[in-house]
Amino acid sequence: MKKIATKICLEKASENNSFQTEKLYLAGYDLEDLARNSSMTEILFLLYGGELPSHSENKKLLEVLMVLLSLPSPRHVASRAAMNAGICKTNAEHILPISLMAIGGEQLGATEVRNCWEFIENNIDNPPEVVASKILANWIDKEKHIAPGFGQSYGEIDILSTRFFKQLLAIKPSGKTMKWVQKLIVELEKHNVGILDVGLAACVFHELSFGSRESIALYQFLRAPGLMAYGLEQTHNPVSAIPMLEDSQYELTK
């Protein structure tokens, strides 16, 4: 019978009871030593990259992104899902899974982060001016994003995401991905298009060499604290605190 293999964790069993764990090692590092000497940001590098951050600006880049993404807008569909679950007295342990499912989609969700990561990977060796010209020429449906991670918010450049990107760019202005995305944004903004929050995440994850699949998990992880907080806040309120649709507002179809 084959054992499950993982490069992430080494488990050392107790000499007295082989079913008990004596020690855990994360990517070769003693977990208890990491708890004493490392930050959660460094743990994420070990979990999803297998190594500690090689440069201080890489660690800072992820630290700042973690804060910027920790509080999604109350307007976000995942925030609303968390709030609705909470106000309807859903079990507390179910609030986060519900909201994470809502934030996993292709429209401003974790899947779009992955798609944006792949868009950057496939185009980063091409001049951003050429890429911008190509996607602008193919942007027929203005209701859709011009490219994964880039588009408009209610017909305009996303103000908050644009400001967030400038803060992230200042941390590592010489990064290959950061520079390329910044030049792409300059071209897109001429046409009232800019970067979106999912684009921010994809840009940083790509810069830090996290994989496309890992970007999905990391985005959900970074969004989780705010989503959970929204849902738990509503559990303390009566059901009447959030307006619900009346029966007459539903359209029944056969």
C-alpha atoms as a PDB file:
ATOM      1  CA  MET A   1       0.000   0.000   0.000  1.00  0.00           C
ATOM      2  CA  LYS A   2       1.470   3.317  -1.098  1.00  0.00           C
ATOM      3  CA  LYS A   3       1.671   6.256   1.287  1.00  0.00           C
ATOM      4  CA  ILE A   4       0.552   9.774   0.430  1.00  0.00           C
ATOM      5  CA  ALA A   5       3.620  11.832  -0.521  1.00  0.00           C
ATOM      6  CA  THR A   6       4.024  15.565   0.074  1.00  0.00           C
ATOM      7  CA  LYS A   7       6.980  17.933  -0.103  1.00  0.00           C
ATOM      8  CA  ILE A   8       5.164  20.421   2.113  1.00  0.00           C
ATOM      9  CA  CYS A   9       5.243  18.586   5.425  1.00  0.00           C
ATOM     10  CA  LEU A  10       7.368  15.979   7.143  1.00  0.00           C
ATOM     11  CA  GLU A  11       5.660  14.327  10.078  1.00  0.00           C
ATOM     12  CA  LYS A  12       7.777  12.685  12.756  1.00  0.00           C
ATOM     13  CA  ALA A  13       5.879  10.102  14.776  1.00  0.00           C
ATOM     14  CA  SER A  14       6.263   9.598  18.503  1.00  0.00           C
ATOM     15  CA  GLU A  15       8.629   6.805  19.490  1.00  0.00           C
ATOM     16  CA  ASN A  16       6.120   5.587  22.071  1.00  0.00           C
ATOM     17  CA  ASN A  17       2.990   5.838  19.921  1.00  0.00           C
ATOM     18  CA  SER A  18       3.336   5.806  16.147  1.00  0.00           C
ATOM     19  CA  PHE A  19      -0.174   7.237  15.743  1.00  0.00           C
ATOM     20  CA  GLN A  20       0.877  10.383  17.644  1.00  0.00           C
ATOM     21  CA  THR A  21       2.761  13.201  15.934  1.00  0.00           C
ATOM     22  CA  GLU A  22       5.943  14.252  17.735  1.00  0.00           C
ATOM     23  CA  LYS A  23       7.183  16.887  15.273  1.00  0.00           C
ATOM     24  CA  LEU A  24       6.031  18.698  12.139  1.00  0.00           C
ATOM     25  CA  TYR A  25       8.406  20.188   9.580  1.00  0.00           C
ATOM     26  CA  LEU A  26       7.208  22.669   6.959  1.00  0.00           C
ATOM     27  CA  ALA A  27       9.436  22.610   3.859  1.00  0.00           C
ATOM     28  CA  GLY A  28      12.232  21.349   6.097  1.00  0.00           C
ATOM     29  CA  TYR A  29      11.746  23.898   8.882  1.00  0.00           C
ATOM     30  CA  ASP A  30      10.618  22.915  12.380  1.00  0.00           C
ATOM     31  CA  LEU A  31       7.096  24.316  12.750  1.00  0.00           C
ATOM     32  CA  GLU A  32       7.693  25.339  16.364  1.00  0.00           C
ATOM     33  CA  ASP A  33      10.812  27.276  15.365  1.00  0.00           C
ATOM     34  CA  LEU A  34       8.825  28.993  12.626  1.00  0.00           C
ATOM     35  CA  ALA A  35       6.166  29.949  15.167  1.00  0.00           C
ATOM     36  CA  ARG A  36       8.826  31.654  17.271  1.00  0.00           C
ATOM     37  CA  ASN A  37      10.753  33.363  14.492  1.00  0.00           C
ATOM     38  CA  SER A  38       8.578  33.787  11.382  1.00  0.00           C
ATOM     39  CA  SER A  39       5.559  35.767  10.220  1.00  0.00           C
ATOM     40  CA  MET A  40       2.428  34.424   8.572  1.00  0.00           C
ATOM     41  CA  THR A  41       3.624  35.971   5.322  1.00  0.00           C
ATOM     42  CA  GLU A  42       6.757  33.829   5.429  1.00  0.00           C
ATOM     43  CA  ILE A  43       4.642  30.768   6.170  1.00  0.00           C
ATOM     44  CA  LEU A  44       2.643  31.422   2.999  1.00  0.00           C
ATOM     45  CA  PHE A  45       5.875  31.503   0.990  1.00  0.00           C
ATOM     46  CA  LEU A  46       6.819  28.122   2.446  1.00  0.00           C
ATOM     47  CA  LEU A  47       3.370  26.603   1.913  1.00  0.00           C
ATOM     48  CA  TYR A  48       2.870  27.749  -1.661  1.00  0.00           C
ATOM     49  CA  GLY A  49       6.427  28.275  -2.904  1.00  0.00           C
ATOM     50  CA  GLY A  50       8.502  25.902  -0.818  1.00  0.00           C
ATOM     51  CA  GLU A  51      11.018  28.588   0.162  1.00  0.00           C
ATOM     52  CA  LEU A  52      11.266  31.625   2.416  1.00  0.00           C
ATOM     53  CA  PRO A  53      11.131  34.989   0.577  1.00  0.00           C
ATOM     54  CA  SER A  54      14.522  35.702  -0.975  1.00  0.00           C
ATOM     55  CA  HIS A  55      14.240  39.498  -0.787  1.00  0.00           C
ATOM     56  CA  SER A  56      12.684  41.834   1.769  1.00  0.00           C
ATOM     57  CA  GLU A  57      10.601  43.584  -0.880  1.00  0.00           C
ATOM     58  CA  ASN A  58       8.971  40.253  -1.828  1.00  0.00           C
ATOM     59  CA  LYS A  59       7.855  39.757   1.754  1.00  0.00           C
ATOM     60  CA  LYS A  60       6.658  43.362   1.970  1.00  0.00           C
ATOM     61  CA  LEU A  61       4.768  43.026  -1.314  1.00  0.00           C
ATOM     62  CA  LEU A  62       2.744  40.092  -0.031  1.00  0.00           C
ATOM     63  CA  GLU A  63       2.245  41.712   3.389  1.00  0.00           C
ATOM     64  CA  VAL A  64       0.724  44.832   1.844  1.00  0.00           C
ATOM     65  CA  LEU A  65      -1.436  42.829  -0.555  1.00  0.00           C
ATOM     66  CA  MET A  66      -2.745  40.786   2.386  1.00  0.00           C
ATOM     67  CA  VAL A  67      -3.973  43.969   4.071  1.00  0.00           C
ATOM     68  CA  LEU A  68      -5.388  45.529   0.904  1.00  0.00           C
ATOM     69  CA  LEU A  69      -7.390  42.389   0.073  1.00  0.00           C
ATOM     70  CA  SER A  70      -8.464  41.589   3.636  1.00  0.00           C
ATOM     71  CA  LEU A  71     -11.548  43.808   3.333  1.00  0.00           C
ATOM     72  CA  PRO A  72     -13.609  43.324   0.164  1.00  0.00           C
ATOM     73  CA  SER A  73     -16.208  45.960  -0.569  1.00  0.00           C
ATOM     74  CA  PRO A  74     -19.636  45.368   1.032  1.00  0.00           C
ATOM     75  CA  ARG A  75     -20.952  45.569  -2.551  1.00  0.00           C
ATOM     76  CA  HIS A  76     -19.009  42.499  -3.634  1.00  0.00           C
ATOM     77  CA  VAL A  77     -21.197  39.497  -4.315  1.00  0.00           C
ATOM     78  CA  ALA A  78     -19.157  37.381  -1.895  1.00  0.00           C
ATOM     79  CA  SER A  79     -19.591  39.980   0.852  1.00  0.00           C
ATOM     80  CA  ARG A  80     -23.321  39.951   0.245  1.00  0.00           C
ATOM     81  CA  ALA A  81     -23.330  36.159   0.323  1.00  0.00           C
ATOM     82  CA  ALA A  82     -21.599  36.214   3.701  1.00  0.00           C
ATOM     83  CA  MET A  83     -23.983  38.851   5.044  1.00  0.00           C
ATOM     84  CA  ASN A  84     -27.066  37.038   3.797  1.00  0.00           C
ATOM     85  CA  ALA A  85     -25.847  33.776   5.291  1.00  0.00           C
ATOM     86  CA  GLY A  86     -25.226  35.477   8.604  1.00  0.00           C
ATOM     87  CA  ILE A  87     -28.517  37.350   8.797  1.00  0.00           C
ATOM     88  CA  CYS A  88     -30.422  34.165   7.931  1.00  0.00           C
ATOM     89  CA  LYS A  89     -28.828  32.468  10.967  1.00  0.00           C
ATOM     90  CA  THR A  90     -26.727  30.031   8.966  1.00  0.00           C
ATOM     91  CA  ASN A  91     -24.428  28.027  11.219  1.00  0.00           C
ATOM     92  CA  ALA A  92     -21.281  30.085  11.807  1.00  0.00           C
ATOM     93  CA  GLU A  93     -19.054  27.320  10.455  1.00  0.00           C
ATOM     94  CA  HIS A  94     -20.854  27.489   7.100  1.00  0.00           C
ATOM     95  CA  ILE A  95     -20.555  31.251   6.501  1.00  0.00           C
ATOM     96  CA  LEU A  96     -16.989  31.224   5.179  1.00  0.00           C
ATOM     97  CA  PRO A  97     -17.448  28.244   2.800  1.00  0.00           C
ATOM     98  CA  ILE A  98     -20.558  29.915   1.359  1.00  0.00           C
ATOM     99  CA  SER A  99     -18.765  33.213   0.751  1.00  0.00           C
ATOM    100  CA  LEU A 100     -15.674  31.508  -0.691  1.00  0.00           C
ATOM    101  CA  MET A 101     -17.857  29.707  -3.219  1.00  0.00           C
ATOM    102  CA  ALA A 102     -19.276  33.089  -4.234  1.00  0.00           C
ATOM    103  CA  ILE A 103     -15.791  34.557  -4.654  1.00  0.00           C
ATOM    104  CA  GLY A 104     -14.485  31.635  -6.675  1.00  0.00           C
ATOM    105  CA  GLY A 105     -15.969  32.637 -10.024  1.00  0.00           C
ATOM    106  CA  GLU A 106     -14.676  34.033 -13.314  1.00  0.00           C
ATOM    107  CA  GLN A 107     -16.124  37.516 -12.754  1.00  0.00           C
ATOM    108  CA  LEU A 108     -14.096  39.337 -10.053  1.00  0.00           C
ATOM    109  CA  GLY A 109     -13.392  36.010  -8.383  1.00  0.00           C
ATOM    110  CA  ALA A 110     -10.557  33.600  -7.766  1.00  0.00           C
ATOM    111  CA  THR A 111     -10.912  31.960 -11.183  1.00  0.00           C
ATOM    112  CA  GLU A 112     -10.403  35.347 -12.832  1.00  0.00           C
ATOM    113  CA  VAL A 113      -7.224  35.767 -10.763  1.00  0.00           C
ATOM    114  CA  ARG A 114      -5.965  32.525 -12.280  1.00  0.00           C
ATOM    115  CA  ASN A 115      -7.022  33.643 -15.762  1.00  0.00           C
ATOM    116  CA  CYS A 116      -5.258  36.981 -15.274  1.00  0.00           C
ATOM    117  CA  TRP A 117      -2.118  35.184 -14.070  1.00  0.00           C
ATOM    118  CA  GLU A 118      -2.153  33.156 -17.286  1.00  0.00           C
ATOM    119  CA  PHE A 119      -2.822  36.295 -19.368  1.00  0.00           C
ATOM    120  CA  ILE A 120       0.274  37.913 -17.860  1.00  0.00           C
ATOM    121  CA  GLU A 121       2.347  34.743 -18.299  1.00  0.00           C
ATOM    122  CA  ASN A 122       1.378  34.458 -21.970  1.00  0.00           C
ATOM    123  CA  ASN A 123       2.059  38.118 -22.796  1.00  0.00           C
ATOM    124  CA  ILE A 124       4.818  39.372 -20.507  1.00  0.00           C
ATOM    125  CA  ASP A 125       7.523  38.932 -23.156  1.00  0.00           C
ATOM    126  CA  ASN A 126       5.564  41.059 -25.624  1.00  0.00           C
ATOM    127  CA  PRO A 127       5.601  44.878 -25.609  1.00  0.00           C
ATOM    128  CA  PRO A 128       2.702  46.075 -23.401  1.00  0.00           C
ATOM    129  CA  GLU A 129       1.790  48.671 -26.052  1.00  0.00           C
ATOM    130  CA  VAL A 130       1.204  45.875 -28.583  1.00  0.00           C
ATOM    131  CA  VAL A 131      -0.788  43.789 -26.100  1.00  0.00           C
ATOM    132  CA  ALA A 132      -2.932  46.781 -25.147  1.00  0.00           C
ATOM    133  CA  SER A 133      -3.635  47.575 -28.796  1.00  0.00           C
ATOM    134  CA  LYS A 134      -4.650  43.981 -29.496  1.00  0.00           C
ATOM    135  CA  ILE A 135      -7.048  43.582 -26.576  1.00  0.00           C
ATOM    136  CA  LEU A 136      -8.559  47.031 -27.179  1.00  0.00           C
ATOM    137  CA  ALA A 137      -9.252  46.091 -30.798  1.00  0.00           C
ATOM    138  CA  ASN A 138     -11.014  42.904 -29.679  1.00  0.00           C
ATOM    139  CA  TRP A 139     -13.011  44.569 -26.900  1.00  0.00           C
ATOM    140  CA  ILE A 140     -16.441  44.378 -28.510  1.00  0.00           C
ATOM    141  CA  ASP A 141     -18.678  43.670 -25.519  1.00  0.00           C
ATOM    142  CA  LYS A 142     -18.140  46.636 -23.176  1.00  0.00           C
ATOM    143  CA  GLU A 143     -20.054  44.834 -20.418  1.00  0.00           C
ATOM    144  CA  LYS A 144     -17.215  42.314 -20.142  1.00  0.00           C
ATOM    145  CA  HIS A 145     -13.669  42.854 -18.929  1.00  0.00           C
ATOM    146  CA  ILE A 146     -11.253  43.790 -21.677  1.00  0.00           C
ATOM    147  CA  ALA A 147      -8.915  41.056 -20.395  1.00  0.00           C
ATOM    148  CA  PRO A 148      -8.877  38.984 -17.217  1.00  0.00           C
ATOM    149  CA  GLY A 149      -8.031  41.317 -14.343  1.00  0.00           C
ATOM    150  CA  PHE A 150      -8.464  44.514 -16.394  1.00  0.00           C
ATOM    151  CA  GLY A 151     -11.605  46.470 -17.203  1.00  0.00           C
ATOM    152  CA  GLN A 152     -13.966  49.080 -15.837  1.00  0.00           C
ATOM    153  CA  SER A 153     -15.945  49.566 -12.662  1.00  0.00           C
ATOM    154  CA  TYR A 154     -19.382  50.996 -13.481  1.00  0.00           C
ATOM    155  CA  GLY A 155     -18.084  52.454 -16.737  1.00  0.00           C
ATOM    156  CA  GLU A 156     -14.950  54.031 -15.271  1.00  0.00           C
ATOM    157  CA  ILE A 157     -11.425  53.119 -14.171  1.00  0.00           C
ATOM    158  CA  ASP A 158     -11.520  51.406 -10.782  1.00  0.00           C
ATOM    159  CA  ILE A 159     -10.301  54.184  -8.461  1.00  0.00           C
ATOM    160  CA  LEU A 160      -9.421  52.022  -5.475  1.00  0.00           C
ATOM    161  CA  SER A 161      -7.590  49.299  -7.404  1.00  0.00           C
ATOM    162  CA  THR A 162      -5.591  51.931  -9.293  1.00  0.00           C
ATOM    163  CA  ARG A 163      -4.451  53.513  -6.043  1.00  0.00           C
ATOM    164  CA  PHE A 164      -3.687  50.119  -4.505  1.00  0.00           C
ATOM    165  CA  PHE A 165      -1.519  49.192  -7.490  1.00  0.00           C
ATOM    166  CA  LYS A 166       0.541  52.365  -7.117  1.00  0.00           C
ATOM    167  CA  GLN A 167       1.191  51.471  -3.478  1.00  0.00           C
ATOM    168  CA  LEU A 168       2.289  47.954  -4.470  1.00  0.00           C
ATOM    169  CA  LEU A 169       4.416  49.214  -7.367  1.00  0.00           C
ATOM    170  CA  ALA A 170       6.323  51.523  -5.003  1.00  0.00           C
ATOM    171  CA  ILE A 171       7.480  48.477  -3.014  1.00  0.00           C
ATOM    172  CA  LYS A 172       9.086  46.716  -5.979  1.00  0.00           C
ATOM    173  CA  PRO A 173       9.213  49.090  -8.971  1.00  0.00           C
ATOM    174  CA  SER A 174      11.970  47.081 -10.663  1.00  0.00           C
ATOM    175  CA  GLY A 175      10.052  43.775 -10.656  1.00  0.00           C
ATOM    176  CA  LYS A 176       9.553  42.361 -14.156  1.00  0.00           C
ATOM    177  CA  THR A 177       5.838  41.698 -13.741  1.00  0.00           C
ATOM    178  CA  MET A 178       5.206  44.925 -11.840  1.00  0.00           C
ATOM    179  CA  LYS A 179       6.900  47.013 -14.543  1.00  0.00           C
ATOM    180  CA  TRP A 180       5.117  45.240 -17.388  1.00  0.00           C
ATOM    181  CA  VAL A 181       1.676  45.580 -15.803  1.00  0.00           C
ATOM    182  CA  GLN A 182       2.350  49.248 -14.996  1.00  0.00           C
ATOM    183  CA  LYS A 183       3.140  49.954 -18.658  1.00  0.00           C
ATOM    184  CA  LEU A 184       0.038  48.043 -19.757  1.00  0.00           C
ATOM    185  CA  ILE A 185      -2.105  50.116 -17.377  1.00  0.00           C
ATOM    186  CA  VAL A 186      -0.688  53.348 -18.830  1.00  0.00           C
ATOM    187  CA  GLU A 187      -1.869  52.288 -22.301  1.00  0.00           C
ATOM    188  CA  LEU A 188      -5.282  51.077 -21.101  1.00  0.00           C
ATOM    189  CA  GLU A 189      -6.000  54.205 -19.075  1.00  0.00           C
ATOM    190  CA  LYS A 190      -5.915  56.231 -22.300  1.00  0.00           C
ATOM    191  CA  HIS A 191      -9.174  54.415 -23.088  1.00  0.00           C
ATOM    192  CA  ASN A 192     -10.723  54.718 -19.620  1.00  0.00           C
ATOM    193  CA  VAL A 193      -9.768  51.155 -18.667  1.00  0.00           C
ATOM    194  CA  GLY A 194      -7.642  50.063 -15.734  1.00  0.00           C
ATOM    195  CA  ILE A 195      -6.644  47.284 -13.378  1.00  0.00           C
ATOM    196  CA  LEU A 196      -9.171  45.512 -11.146  1.00  0.00           C
ATOM    197  CA  ASP A 197      -8.697  43.985  -7.703  1.00  0.00           C
ATOM    198  CA  VAL A 198      -8.301  40.494  -9.168  1.00  0.00           C
ATOM    199  CA  GLY A 199      -5.642  41.904 -11.465  1.00  0.00           C
ATOM    200  CA  LEU A 200      -3.772  43.277  -8.462  1.00  0.00           C
ATOM    201  CA  ALA A 201      -3.681  39.827  -6.900  1.00  0.00           C
ATOM    202  CA  ALA A 202      -2.609  38.095 -10.114  1.00  0.00           C
ATOM    203  CA  CYS A 203       0.144  40.658 -10.726  1.00  0.00           C
ATOM    204  CA  VAL A 204       1.652  40.224  -7.253  1.00  0.00           C
ATOM    205  CA  PHE A 205       1.344  36.433  -7.280  1.00  0.00           C
ATOM    206  CA  HIS A 206       3.046  36.285 -10.670  1.00  0.00           C
ATOM    207  CA  GLU A 207       5.786  38.653  -9.506  1.00  0.00           C
ATOM    208  CA  LEU A 208       6.394  36.418  -6.479  1.00  0.00           C
ATOM    209  CA  SER A 209       6.518  33.256  -8.658  1.00  0.00           C
ATOM    210  CA  PHE A 210       3.461  31.610  -7.136  1.00  0.00           C
ATOM    211  CA  GLY A 211       1.740  29.312  -9.650  1.00  0.00           C
ATOM    212  CA  SER A 212      -1.575  29.867 -11.412  1.00  0.00           C
ATOM    213  CA  ARG A 213      -3.437  27.286  -9.348  1.00  0.00           C
ATOM    214  CA  GLU A 214      -1.841  28.585  -6.169  1.00  0.00           C
ATOM    215  CA  SER A 215      -3.104  32.057  -7.065  1.00  0.00           C
ATOM    216  CA  ILE A 216      -6.685  30.803  -6.749  1.00  0.00           C
ATOM    217  CA  ALA A 217      -6.142  29.548  -3.208  1.00  0.00           C
ATOM    218  CA  LEU A 218      -4.113  32.558  -2.103  1.00  0.00           C
ATOM    219  CA  TYR A 219      -6.740  35.011  -3.336  1.00  0.00           C
ATOM    220  CA  GLN A 220      -9.492  33.209  -1.441  1.00  0.00           C
ATOM    221  CA  PHE A 221      -7.295  33.018   1.652  1.00  0.00           C
ATOM    222  CA  LEU A 222      -6.518  36.746   1.597  1.00  0.00           C
ATOM    223  CA  ARG A 223     -10.185  37.661   1.106  1.00  0.00           C
ATOM    224  CA  ALA A 224     -11.412  35.295   3.836  1.00  0.00           C
ATOM    225  CA  PRO A 225     -10.924  37.490   6.954  1.00  0.00           C
ATOM    226  CA  GLY A 226     -13.200  40.269   5.717  1.00  0.00           C
ATOM    227  CA  LEU A 227     -15.823  37.900   4.364  1.00  0.00           C
ATOM    228  CA  MET A 228     -16.015  36.028   7.653  1.00  0.00           C
ATOM    229  CA  ALA A 229     -16.229  39.281   9.602  1.00  0.00           C
ATOM    230  CA  TYR A 230     -19.136  40.522   7.458  1.00  0.00           C
ATOM    231  CA  GLY A 231     -21.050  37.308   8.001  1.00  0.00           C
ATOM    232  CA  LEU A 232     -20.442  37.070  11.737  1.00  0.00           C
ATOM    233  CA  GLU A 233     -21.458  40.702  12.222  1.00  0.00           C
ATOM    234  CA  GLN A 234     -24.877  39.969  10.735  1.00  0.00           C
ATOM    235  CA  THR A 235     -25.453  36.922  12.952  1.00  0.00           C
ATOM    236  CA  HIS A 236     -26.018  39.329  15.846  1.00  0.00           C
ATOM    237  CA  ASN A 237     -28.778  41.192  13.987  1.00  0.00           C
ATOM    238  CA  PRO A 238     -32.447  40.271  13.498  1.00  0.00           C
ATOM    239  CA  VAL A 239     -33.511  38.857  10.152  1.00  0.00           C
ATOM    240  CA  SER A 240     -35.361  42.095   9.432  1.00  0.00           C
ATOM    241  CA  ALA A 241     -32.091  44.087   9.476  1.00  0.00           C
ATOM    242  CA  ILE A 242     -31.418  43.326   5.786  1.00  0.00           C
ATOM    243  CA  PRO A 243     -34.260  43.880   3.300  1.00  0.00           C
ATOM    244  CA  MET A 244     -35.214  40.704   1.490  1.00  0.00           C
ATOM    245  CA  LEU A 245     -37.144  40.373  -1.759  1.00  0.00           C
ATOM    246  CA  GLU A 246     -40.899  40.146  -1.476  1.00  0.00           C
ATOM    247  CA  ASP A 247     -42.646  37.138  -3.043  1.00  0.00           C
ATOM    248  CA  SER A 248     -44.075  39.418  -5.734  1.00  0.00           C
ATOM    249  CA  GLN A 249     -40.558  40.385  -6.835  1.00  0.00           C
ATOM    250  CA  TYR A 250     -39.691  36.850  -7.918  1.00  0.00           C
ATOM    251  CA  GLU A 251     -40.401  35.754 -11.464  1.00  0.00           C
ATOM    252  CA  LEU A 252     -41.464  32.142 -11.723  1.00  0.00           C
ATOM    253  CA  THR A 253     -40.631  30.387 -14.974  1.00  0.00           C
ATOM    254  CA  LYS A 254     -41.713  26.999 -16.269  1.00  0.00           C
END
